[in-house]
PDB file of all heavy atoms in Angstrom:
ATOM      1  N   ALA A   1     -12.871 -47.337 -90.169  1.00  0.00           N
ATOM      2  CA  ALA A   1     -12.886 -46.968 -88.757  1.00  0.00           C
ATOM      3  C   ALA A   1     -13.410 -48.149 -87.851  1.00  0.00           C
ATOM      4  O   ALA A   1     -13.127 -48.215 -86.645  1.00  0.00           O
ATOM      5  CB  ALA A   1     -13.840 -45.725 -88.511  1.00  0.00           C
ATOM      6  N   SER A   2     -14.234 -49.072 -88.495  1.00  0.00           N
ATOM      7  CA  SER A   2     -14.942 -50.055 -87.598  1.00  0.00           C
ATOM      8  C   SER A   2     -13.957 -50.849 -86.808  1.00  0.00           C
ATOM      9  O   SER A   2     -14.271 -51.151 -85.575  1.00  0.00           O
ATOM     10  CB  SER A   2     -15.707 -51.002 -88.520  1.00  0.00           C
ATOM     11  OG  SER A   2     -14.820 -51.699 -89.533  1.00  0.00           O
ATOM     12  N   ASN A   3     -12.857 -51.304 -87.359  1.00  0.00           N
ATOM     13  CA  ASN A   3     -11.853 -52.107 -86.546  1.00  0.00           C
ATOM     14  C   ASN A   3     -11.295 -51.342 -85.360  1.00  0.00           C
ATOM     15  O   ASN A   3     -11.104 -51.870 -84.287  1.00  0.00           O
ATOM     16  CB  ASN A   3     -10.794 -52.612 -87.415  1.00  0.00           C
ATOM     17  CG  ASN A   3     -11.215 -53.760 -88.406  1.00  0.00           C
ATOM     18  OD1 ASN A   3     -12.243 -54.392 -88.185  1.00  0.00           O
ATOM     19  ND2 ASN A   3     -10.500 -53.943 -89.487  1.00  0.00           N
ATOM     20  N   TYR A   4     -10.957 -50.013 -85.631  1.00  0.00           N
ATOM     21  CA  TYR A   4     -10.414 -49.281 -84.576  1.00  0.00           C
ATOM     22  C   TYR A   4     -11.368 -48.946 -83.451  1.00  0.00           C
ATOM     23  O   TYR A   4     -11.076 -48.949 -82.286  1.00  0.00           O
ATOM     24  CB  TYR A   4      -9.826 -47.944 -85.154  1.00  0.00           C
ATOM     25  CG  TYR A   4      -8.773 -48.196 -86.211  1.00  0.00           C
ATOM     26  CD1 TYR A   4      -8.980 -47.856 -87.555  1.00  0.00           C
ATOM     27  CD2 TYR A   4      -7.522 -48.684 -85.823  1.00  0.00           C
ATOM     28  CE1 TYR A   4      -8.019 -48.065 -88.481  1.00  0.00           C
ATOM     29  CE2 TYR A   4      -6.542 -48.853 -86.776  1.00  0.00           C
ATOM     30  CZ  TYR A   4      -6.747 -48.532 -88.108  1.00  0.00           C
ATOM     31  OH  TYR A   4      -5.752 -48.827 -89.052  1.00  0.00           O
ATOM     32  N   THR A   5     -12.570 -48.693 -83.871  1.00  0.00           N
ATOM     33  CA  THR A   5     -13.713 -48.430 -82.930  1.00  0.00           C
ATOM     34  C   THR A   5     -13.854 -49.648 -82.038  1.00  0.00           C
ATOM     35  O   THR A   5     -14.071 -49.490 -80.769  1.00  0.00           O
ATOM     36  CB  THR A   5     -15.013 -48.089 -83.663  1.00  0.00           C
ATOM     37  OG1 THR A   5     -14.815 -46.975 -84.512  1.00  0.00           O
ATOM     38  CG2 THR A   5     -16.129 -47.752 -82.599  1.00  0.00           C
ATOM     39  N   SER A   6     -13.920 -50.873 -82.579  1.00  0.00           N
ATOM     40  CA  SER A   6     -14.091 -51.966 -81.805  1.00  0.00           C
ATOM     41  C   SER A   6     -12.913 -52.234 -80.805  1.00  0.00           C
ATOM     42  O   SER A   6     -13.126 -52.610 -79.681  1.00  0.00           O
ATOM     43  CB  SER A   6     -14.118 -53.224 -82.710  1.00  0.00           C
ATOM     44  OG  SER A   6     -15.341 -53.219 -83.652  1.00  0.00           O
ATOM     45  N   GLU A   7     -11.703 -51.996 -81.271  1.00  0.00           N
ATOM     46  CA  GLU A   7     -10.520 -52.076 -80.447  1.00  0.00           C
ATOM     47  C   GLU A   7     -10.608 -51.115 -79.313  1.00  0.00           C
ATOM     48  O   GLU A   7     -10.323 -51.397 -78.085  1.00  0.00           O
ATOM     49  CB  GLU A   7      -9.296 -51.907 -81.339  1.00  0.00           C
ATOM     50  CG  GLU A   7      -8.012 -52.037 -80.527  1.00  0.00           C
ATOM     51  CD  GLU A   7      -6.788 -51.767 -81.370  1.00  0.00           C
ATOM     52  OE1 GLU A   7      -6.920 -51.769 -82.591  1.00  0.00           O
ATOM     53  OE2 GLU A   7      -5.701 -51.511 -80.838  1.00  0.00           O
ATOM     54  N   ILE A   8     -10.996 -49.963 -79.567  1.00  0.00           N
ATOM     55  CA  ILE A   8     -11.020 -48.948 -78.413  1.00  0.00           C
ATOM     56  C   ILE A   8     -12.130 -49.307 -77.464  1.00  0.00           C
ATOM     57  O   ILE A   8     -11.968 -49.167 -76.271  1.00  0.00           O
ATOM     58  CB  ILE A   8     -11.291 -47.495 -79.032  1.00  0.00           C
ATOM     59  CG1 ILE A   8     -10.069 -46.971 -79.837  1.00  0.00           C
ATOM     60  CG2 ILE A   8     -11.595 -46.477 -77.939  1.00  0.00           C
ATOM     61  CD1 ILE A   8     -10.348 -45.765 -80.726  1.00  0.00           C
ATOM     62  N   LYS A   9     -13.278 -49.560 -77.980  1.00  0.00           N
ATOM     63  CA  LYS A   9     -14.442 -49.997 -77.172  1.00  0.00           C
ATOM     64  C   LYS A   9     -14.089 -51.116 -76.244  1.00  0.00           C
ATOM     65  O   LYS A   9     -14.426 -51.194 -75.092  1.00  0.00           O
ATOM     66  CB  LYS A   9     -15.667 -50.352 -78.085  1.00  0.00           C
ATOM     67  CG  LYS A   9     -16.996 -50.474 -77.324  1.00  0.00           C
ATOM     68  CD  LYS A   9     -18.096 -50.636 -78.305  1.00  0.00           C
ATOM     69  CE  LYS A   9     -19.541 -50.527 -77.614  1.00  0.00           C
ATOM     70  NZ  LYS A   9     -20.531 -50.607 -78.587  1.00  0.00           N
ATOM     71  N   SER A  10     -13.340 -52.142 -76.775  1.00  0.00           N
ATOM     72  CA  SER A  10     -12.894 -53.252 -75.971  1.00  0.00           C
ATOM     73  C   SER A  10     -11.971 -52.797 -74.828  1.00  0.00           C
ATOM     74  O   SER A  10     -12.053 -53.192 -73.633  1.00  0.00           O
ATOM     75  CB  SER A  10     -12.204 -54.265 -76.813  1.00  0.00           C
ATOM     76  OG  SER A  10     -11.627 -55.291 -76.072  1.00  0.00           O
ATOM     77  N   GLU A  11     -10.959 -51.922 -75.115  1.00  0.00           N
ATOM     78  CA  GLU A  11     -10.065 -51.428 -74.165  1.00  0.00           C
ATOM     79  C   GLU A  11     -10.731 -50.672 -73.100  1.00  0.00           C
ATOM     80  O   GLU A  11     -10.454 -50.768 -71.742  1.00  0.00           O
ATOM     81  CB  GLU A  11      -8.953 -50.597 -74.828  1.00  0.00           C
ATOM     82  CG  GLU A  11      -8.025 -51.548 -75.599  1.00  0.00           C
ATOM     83  CD  GLU A  11      -6.822 -50.667 -76.127  1.00  0.00           C
ATOM     84  OE1 GLU A  11      -6.641 -49.515 -75.664  1.00  0.00           O
ATOM     85  OE2 GLU A  11      -6.094 -51.126 -76.973  1.00  0.00           O
ATOM     86  N   VAL A  12     -11.669 -49.695 -73.473  1.00  0.00           N
ATOM     87  CA  VAL A  12     -12.448 -48.908 -72.566  1.00  0.00           C
ATOM     88  C   VAL A  12     -13.280 -49.745 -71.580  1.00  0.00           C
ATOM     89  O   VAL A  12     -13.355 -49.495 -70.422  1.00  0.00           O
ATOM     90  CB  VAL A  12     -13.300 -47.949 -73.304  1.00  0.00           C
ATOM     91  CG1 VAL A  12     -14.312 -47.159 -72.377  1.00  0.00           C
ATOM     92  CG2 VAL A  12     -12.460 -46.869 -74.004  1.00  0.00           C
ATOM     93  N   SER A  13     -13.837 -50.840 -72.132  1.00  0.00           N
ATOM     94  CA  SER A  13     -14.723 -51.691 -71.316  1.00  0.00           C
ATOM     95  C   SER A  13     -14.044 -52.362 -70.166  1.00  0.00           C
ATOM     96  O   SER A  13     -14.534 -52.792 -69.147  1.00  0.00           O
ATOM     97  CB  SER A  13     -15.445 -52.783 -72.176  1.00  0.00           C
ATOM     98  OG  SER A  13     -14.531 -53.637 -72.651  1.00  0.00           O
ATOM     99  N   GLN A  14     -12.640 -52.472 -70.340  1.00  0.00           N
ATOM    100  CA  GLN A  14     -11.929 -53.092 -69.292  1.00  0.00           C
ATOM    101  C   GLN A  14     -11.396 -52.104 -68.154  1.00  0.00           C
ATOM    102  O   GLN A  14     -10.802 -52.575 -67.190  1.00  0.00           O
ATOM    103  CB  GLN A  14     -10.685 -53.806 -69.944  1.00  0.00           C
ATOM    104  CG  GLN A  14     -11.079 -54.837 -70.846  1.00  0.00           C
ATOM    105  CD  GLN A  14      -9.874 -55.402 -71.638  1.00  0.00           C
ATOM    106  OE1 GLN A  14      -8.782 -55.635 -71.154  1.00  0.00           O
ATOM    107  NE2 GLN A  14     -10.058 -55.703 -72.969  1.00  0.00           N
ATOM    108  N   LYS A  15     -11.657 -50.869 -68.320  1.00  0.00           N
ATOM    109  CA  LYS A  15     -11.269 -49.857 -67.367  1.00  0.00           C
ATOM    110  C   LYS A  15     -12.285 -49.693 -66.299  1.00  0.00           C
ATOM    111  O   LYS A  15     -13.500 -49.923 -66.501  1.00  0.00           O
ATOM    112  CB  LYS A  15     -10.982 -48.509 -68.047  1.00  0.00           C
ATOM    113  CG  LYS A  15      -9.831 -48.507 -69.013  1.00  0.00           C
ATOM    114  CD  LYS A  15      -9.601 -47.178 -69.563  1.00  0.00           C
ATOM    115  CE  LYS A  15      -8.433 -47.198 -70.516  1.00  0.00           C
ATOM    116  NZ  LYS A  15      -7.133 -47.451 -69.755  1.00  0.00           N
ATOM    117  N   ASP A  16     -11.802 -49.364 -65.080  1.00  0.00           N
ATOM    118  CA  ASP A  16     -12.763 -49.142 -63.918  1.00  0.00           C
ATOM    119  C   ASP A  16     -13.714 -47.898 -64.238  1.00  0.00           C
ATOM    120  O   ASP A  16     -14.736 -47.893 -63.846  1.00  0.00           O
ATOM    121  CB  ASP A  16     -11.974 -49.031 -62.712  1.00  0.00           C
ATOM    122  CG  ASP A  16     -11.229 -50.251 -62.288  1.00  0.00           C
ATOM    123  OD1 ASP A  16     -11.745 -51.357 -62.675  1.00  0.00           O
ATOM    124  OD2 ASP A  16     -10.118 -50.165 -61.620  1.00  0.00           O
ATOM    125  N   THR A  17     -13.179 -46.933 -64.804  1.00  0.00           N
ATOM    126  CA  THR A  17     -13.865 -45.715 -65.175  1.00  0.00           C
ATOM    127  C   THR A  17     -13.707 -45.275 -66.568  1.00  0.00           C
ATOM    128  O   THR A  17     -12.515 -45.506 -67.104  1.00  0.00           O
ATOM    129  CB  THR A  17     -13.414 -44.501 -64.305  1.00  0.00           C
ATOM    130  OG1 THR A  17     -12.096 -44.225 -64.439  1.00  0.00           O
ATOM    131  CG2 THR A  17     -13.698 -44.703 -62.784  1.00  0.00           C
ATOM    132  N   ARG A  18     -14.691 -44.802 -67.160  1.00  0.00           N
ATOM    133  CA  ARG A  18     -14.596 -44.479 -68.542  1.00  0.00           C
ATOM    134  C   ARG A  18     -13.784 -43.180 -68.771  1.00  0.00           C
ATOM    135  O   ARG A  18     -14.058 -42.139 -68.070  1.00  0.00           O
ATOM    136  CB  ARG A  18     -15.973 -44.341 -69.234  1.00  0.00           C
ATOM    137  CG  ARG A  18     -16.685 -45.610 -69.324  1.00  0.00           C
ATOM    138  CD  ARG A  18     -17.821 -45.549 -70.334  1.00  0.00           C
ATOM    139  NE  ARG A  18     -18.782 -44.482 -70.160  1.00  0.00           N
ATOM    140  CZ  ARG A  18     -19.746 -44.297 -70.874  1.00  0.00           C
ATOM    141  NH1 ARG A  18     -19.993 -44.971 -71.988  1.00  0.00           N
ATOM    142  NH2 ARG A  18     -20.754 -43.379 -70.652  1.00  0.00           N
ATOM    143  N   PRO A  19     -12.791 -43.120 -69.660  1.00  0.00           N
ATOM    144  CA  PRO A  19     -12.054 -41.860 -69.918  1.00  0.00           C
ATOM    145  C   PRO A  19     -13.115 -40.790 -70.354  1.00  0.00           C
ATOM    146  O   PRO A  19     -13.982 -40.999 -71.164  1.00  0.00           O
ATOM    147  CB  PRO A  19     -11.158 -42.223 -71.102  1.00  0.00           C
ATOM    148  CG  PRO A  19     -11.053 -43.770 -71.008  1.00  0.00           C
ATOM    149  CD  PRO A  19     -12.286 -44.219 -70.544  1.00  0.00           C
ATOM    150  N   LYS A  20     -12.793 -39.560 -69.817  1.00  0.00           N
ATOM    151  CA  LYS A  20     -13.653 -38.440 -70.218  1.00  0.00           C
ATOM    152  C   LYS A  20     -12.861 -37.421 -71.149  1.00  0.00           C
ATOM    153  O   LYS A  20     -11.791 -36.978 -70.787  1.00  0.00           O
ATOM    154  CB  LYS A  20     -14.100 -37.675 -69.027  1.00  0.00           C
ATOM    155  CG  LYS A  20     -14.955 -36.458 -69.300  1.00  0.00           C
ATOM    156  CD  LYS A  20     -15.344 -35.740 -67.971  1.00  0.00           C
ATOM    157  CE  LYS A  20     -16.096 -34.511 -68.225  1.00  0.00           C
ATOM    158  NZ  LYS A  20     -16.414 -33.789 -66.976  1.00  0.00           N
ATOM    159  N   LEU A  21     -13.426 -37.276 -72.353  1.00  0.00           N
ATOM    160  CA  LEU A  21     -12.832 -36.321 -73.217  1.00  0.00           C
ATOM    161  C   LEU A  21     -13.650 -34.893 -73.227  1.00  0.00           C
ATOM    162  O   LEU A  21     -14.960 -35.116 -73.213  1.00  0.00           O
ATOM    163  CB  LEU A  21     -12.768 -36.855 -74.697  1.00  0.00           C
ATOM    164  CG  LEU A  21     -11.447 -37.576 -75.033  1.00  0.00           C
ATOM    165  CD1 LEU A  21     -11.399 -38.832 -74.176  1.00  0.00           C
ATOM    166  CD2 LEU A  21     -11.459 -38.034 -76.456  1.00  0.00           C
ATOM    167  N   VAL A  22     -13.023 -33.834 -73.333  1.00  0.00           N
ATOM    168  CA  VAL A  22     -13.691 -32.583 -73.362  1.00  0.00           C
ATOM    169  C   VAL A  22     -13.311 -31.907 -74.664  1.00  0.00           C
ATOM    170  O   VAL A  22     -12.040 -31.663 -74.985  1.00  0.00           O
ATOM    171  CB  VAL A  22     -13.328 -31.655 -72.192  1.00  0.00           C
ATOM    172  CG1 VAL A  22     -13.856 -30.295 -72.386  1.00  0.00           C
ATOM    173  CG2 VAL A  22     -13.849 -32.270 -70.933  1.00  0.00           C
ATOM    174  N   GLY A  23     -14.233 -31.428 -75.469  1.00  0.00           N
ATOM    175  CA  GLY A  23     -13.903 -30.736 -76.693  1.00  0.00           C
ATOM    176  C   GLY A  23     -14.434 -29.296 -76.525  1.00  0.00           C
ATOM    177  O   GLY A  23     -15.423 -29.061 -75.985  1.00  0.00           O
ATOM    178  N   PHE A  24     -13.509 -28.355 -77.014  1.00  0.00           N
ATOM    179  CA  PHE A  24     -13.827 -26.900 -76.977  1.00  0.00           C
ATOM    180  C   PHE A  24     -14.093 -26.405 -78.371  1.00  0.00           C
ATOM    181  O   PHE A  24     -13.322 -26.548 -79.228  1.00  0.00           O
ATOM    182  CB  PHE A  24     -12.692 -26.186 -76.330  1.00  0.00           C
ATOM    183  CG  PHE A  24     -12.479 -26.461 -74.880  1.00  0.00           C
ATOM    184  CD1 PHE A  24     -11.589 -27.412 -74.432  1.00  0.00           C
ATOM    185  CD2 PHE A  24     -13.233 -25.814 -73.892  1.00  0.00           C
ATOM    186  CE1 PHE A  24     -11.388 -27.624 -73.034  1.00  0.00           C
ATOM    187  CE2 PHE A  24     -13.067 -26.101 -72.555  1.00  0.00           C
ATOM    188  CZ  PHE A  24     -12.083 -27.032 -72.158  1.00  0.00           C
ATOM    189  N   LEU A  25     -15.315 -25.813 -78.504  1.00  0.00           N
ATOM    190  CA  LEU A  25     -15.625 -25.122 -79.673  1.00  0.00           C
ATOM    191  C   LEU A  25     -15.776 -23.669 -79.447  1.00  0.00           C
ATOM    192  O   LEU A  25     -16.620 -23.219 -78.715  1.00  0.00           O
ATOM    193  CB  LEU A  25     -16.972 -25.653 -80.246  1.00  0.00           C
ATOM    194  CG  LEU A  25     -17.520 -25.170 -81.603  1.00  0.00           C
ATOM    195  CD1 LEU A  25     -16.448 -25.474 -82.713  1.00  0.00           C
ATOM    196  CD2 LEU A  25     -18.862 -25.778 -81.914  1.00  0.00           C
ATOM    197  N   ALA A  26     -14.801 -22.907 -80.034  1.00  0.00           N
ATOM    198  CA  ALA A  26     -14.827 -21.502 -79.717  1.00  0.00           C
ATOM    199  C   ALA A  26     -14.686 -20.679 -81.001  1.00  0.00           C
ATOM    200  O   ALA A  26     -14.005 -19.615 -81.035  1.00  0.00           O
ATOM    201  CB  ALA A  26     -13.623 -21.199 -78.789  1.00  0.00           C
ATOM    202  N   ASN A  27     -15.358 -21.072 -81.941  1.00  0.00           N
ATOM    203  CA  ASN A  27     -15.470 -20.286 -83.155  1.00  0.00           C
ATOM    204  C   ASN A  27     -16.867 -20.391 -83.824  1.00  0.00           C
ATOM    205  O   ASN A  27     -17.728 -21.177 -83.256  1.00  0.00           O
ATOM    206  CB  ASN A  27     -14.379 -20.710 -84.266  1.00  0.00           C
ATOM    207  CG  ASN A  27     -14.519 -22.152 -84.607  1.00  0.00           C
ATOM    208  OD1 ASN A  27     -15.617 -22.697 -84.997  1.00  0.00           O
ATOM    209  ND2 ASN A  27     -13.454 -22.860 -84.591  1.00  0.00           N
ATOM    210  N   ASP A  28     -17.109 -19.621 -84.886  1.00  0.00           N
ATOM    211  CA  ASP A  28     -18.349 -19.661 -85.589  1.00  0.00           C
ATOM    212  C   ASP A  28     -18.303 -20.448 -86.868  1.00  0.00           C
ATOM    213  O   ASP A  28     -19.153 -20.314 -87.663  1.00  0.00           O
ATOM    214  CB  ASP A  28     -18.839 -18.204 -85.802  1.00  0.00           C
ATOM    215  CG  ASP A  28     -19.078 -17.441 -84.505  1.00  0.00           C
ATOM    216  OD1 ASP A  28     -19.568 -18.113 -83.525  1.00  0.00           O
ATOM    217  OD2 ASP A  28     -18.824 -16.233 -84.504  1.00  0.00           O
ATOM    218  N   ASP A  29     -17.272 -21.247 -87.050  1.00  0.00           N
ATOM    219  CA  ASP A  29     -17.158 -21.994 -88.294  1.00  0.00           C
ATOM    220  C   ASP A  29     -18.156 -23.108 -88.342  1.00  0.00           C
ATOM    221  O   ASP A  29     -18.090 -23.979 -87.489  1.00  0.00           O
ATOM    222  CB  ASP A  29     -15.698 -22.528 -88.321  1.00  0.00           C
ATOM    223  CG  ASP A  29     -15.452 -23.317 -89.660  1.00  0.00           C
ATOM    224  OD1 ASP A  29     -16.382 -23.479 -90.380  1.00  0.00           O
ATOM    225  OD2 ASP A  29     -14.228 -23.560 -89.886  1.00  0.00           O
ATOM    226  N   PRO A  30     -19.078 -23.085 -89.335  1.00  0.00           N
ATOM    227  CA  PRO A  30     -20.179 -24.151 -89.346  1.00  0.00           C
ATOM    228  C   PRO A  30     -19.512 -25.584 -89.568  1.00  0.00           C
ATOM    229  O   PRO A  30     -20.058 -26.492 -89.163  1.00  0.00           O
ATOM    230  CB  PRO A  30     -20.990 -23.740 -90.497  1.00  0.00           C
ATOM    231  CG  PRO A  30     -20.153 -22.814 -91.313  1.00  0.00           C
ATOM    232  CD  PRO A  30     -19.267 -22.141 -90.391  1.00  0.00           C
ATOM    233  N   TYR A  31     -18.332 -25.591 -90.336  1.00  0.00           N
ATOM    234  CA  TYR A  31     -17.708 -26.954 -90.505  1.00  0.00           C
ATOM    235  C   TYR A  31     -17.153 -27.458 -89.258  1.00  0.00           C
ATOM    236  O   TYR A  31     -17.190 -28.654 -88.962  1.00  0.00           O
ATOM    237  CB  TYR A  31     -16.757 -26.834 -91.656  1.00  0.00           C
ATOM    238  CG  TYR A  31     -17.271 -26.369 -93.014  1.00  0.00           C
ATOM    239  CD1 TYR A  31     -16.826 -25.212 -93.602  1.00  0.00           C
ATOM    240  CD2 TYR A  31     -18.227 -27.201 -93.517  1.00  0.00           C
ATOM    241  CE1 TYR A  31     -17.318 -24.809 -94.864  1.00  0.00           C
ATOM    242  CE2 TYR A  31     -18.763 -26.796 -94.843  1.00  0.00           C
ATOM    243  CZ  TYR A  31     -18.350 -25.588 -95.388  1.00  0.00           C
ATOM    244  OH  TYR A  31     -18.910 -25.249 -96.673  1.00  0.00           O
ATOM    245  N   ALA A  32     -16.626 -26.558 -88.429  1.00  0.00           N
ATOM    246  CA  ALA A  32     -16.073 -26.948 -87.100  1.00  0.00           C
ATOM    247  C   ALA A  32     -17.193 -27.482 -86.172  1.00  0.00           C
ATOM    248  O   ALA A  32     -17.021 -28.580 -85.557  1.00  0.00           O
ATOM    249  CB  ALA A  32     -15.312 -25.859 -86.462  1.00  0.00           C
ATOM    250  N   GLU A  33     -18.291 -26.870 -86.250  1.00  0.00           N
ATOM    251  CA  GLU A  33     -19.425 -27.313 -85.469  1.00  0.00           C
ATOM    252  C   GLU A  33     -19.977 -28.642 -85.925  1.00  0.00           C
ATOM    253  O   GLU A  33     -20.263 -29.554 -85.177  1.00  0.00           O
ATOM    254  CB  GLU A  33     -20.587 -26.284 -85.564  1.00  0.00           C
ATOM    255  CG  GLU A  33     -21.743 -26.559 -84.606  1.00  0.00           C
ATOM    256  CD  GLU A  33     -22.782 -25.410 -84.496  1.00  0.00           C
ATOM    257  OE1 GLU A  33     -22.508 -24.401 -85.091  1.00  0.00           O
ATOM    258  OE2 GLU A  33     -23.778 -25.565 -83.836  1.00  0.00           O
ATOM    259  N   LYS A  34     -20.005 -28.874 -87.280  1.00  0.00           N
ATOM    260  CA  LYS A  34     -20.456 -30.136 -87.855  1.00  0.00           C
ATOM    261  C   LYS A  34     -19.442 -31.221 -87.460  1.00  0.00           C
ATOM    262  O   LYS A  34     -19.907 -32.269 -87.018  1.00  0.00           O
ATOM    263  CB  LYS A  34     -20.455 -29.962 -89.366  1.00  0.00           C
ATOM    264  CG  LYS A  34     -20.885 -31.184 -90.102  1.00  0.00           C
ATOM    265  CD  LYS A  34     -20.839 -31.054 -91.613  1.00  0.00           C
ATOM    266  CE  LYS A  34     -21.201 -32.340 -92.345  1.00  0.00           C
ATOM    267  NZ  LYS A  34     -21.198 -32.150 -93.839  1.00  0.00           N
ATOM    268  N   TYR A  35     -18.228 -30.955 -87.537  1.00  0.00           N
ATOM    269  CA  TYR A  35     -17.189 -31.861 -87.020  1.00  0.00           C
ATOM    270  C   TYR A  35     -17.309 -32.195 -85.530  1.00  0.00           C
ATOM    271  O   TYR A  35     -17.137 -33.338 -85.106  1.00  0.00           O
ATOM    272  CB  TYR A  35     -15.801 -31.321 -87.336  1.00  0.00           C
ATOM    273  CG  TYR A  35     -14.596 -32.247 -86.921  1.00  0.00           C
ATOM    274  CD1 TYR A  35     -14.672 -33.646 -87.189  1.00  0.00           C
ATOM    275  CD2 TYR A  35     -13.434 -31.629 -86.303  1.00  0.00           C
ATOM    276  CE1 TYR A  35     -13.543 -34.465 -86.762  1.00  0.00           C
ATOM    277  CE2 TYR A  35     -12.460 -32.546 -85.886  1.00  0.00           C
ATOM    278  CZ  TYR A  35     -12.516 -33.874 -86.101  1.00  0.00           C
ATOM    279  OH  TYR A  35     -11.503 -34.741 -85.812  1.00  0.00           O
ATOM    280  N   ALA A  36     -17.547 -31.222 -84.773  1.00  0.00           N
ATOM    281  CA  ALA A  36     -17.785 -31.364 -83.288  1.00  0.00           C
ATOM    282  C   ALA A  36     -18.981 -32.327 -83.029  1.00  0.00           C
ATOM    283  O   ALA A  36     -18.825 -33.187 -82.216  1.00  0.00           O
ATOM    284  CB  ALA A  36     -17.928 -30.090 -82.611  1.00  0.00           C
ATOM    285  N   GLN A  37     -19.975 -32.153 -83.753  1.00  0.00           N
ATOM    286  CA  GLN A  37     -21.147 -32.989 -83.621  1.00  0.00           C
ATOM    287  C   GLN A  37     -20.869 -34.341 -84.007  1.00  0.00           C
ATOM    288  O   GLN A  37     -21.350 -35.360 -83.278  1.00  0.00           O
ATOM    289  CB  GLN A  37     -22.287 -32.440 -84.277  1.00  0.00           C
ATOM    290  CG  GLN A  37     -22.856 -31.073 -83.809  1.00  0.00           C
ATOM    291  CD  GLN A  37     -23.838 -30.305 -84.714  1.00  0.00           C
ATOM    292  OE1 GLN A  37     -24.030 -30.799 -85.864  1.00  0.00           O
ATOM    293  NE2 GLN A  37     -24.474 -29.345 -84.248  1.00  0.00           N
TER     294      GLN A  37
END
């Protein structure tokens, strides 16, 4: 993941505003919650 993270970070740093992502957790699955975190 390290190379992809660096690439994304570089692209985001060149934007005027940072992209906002919203995640929806609507279940009681502990694995889904772990993944969300």
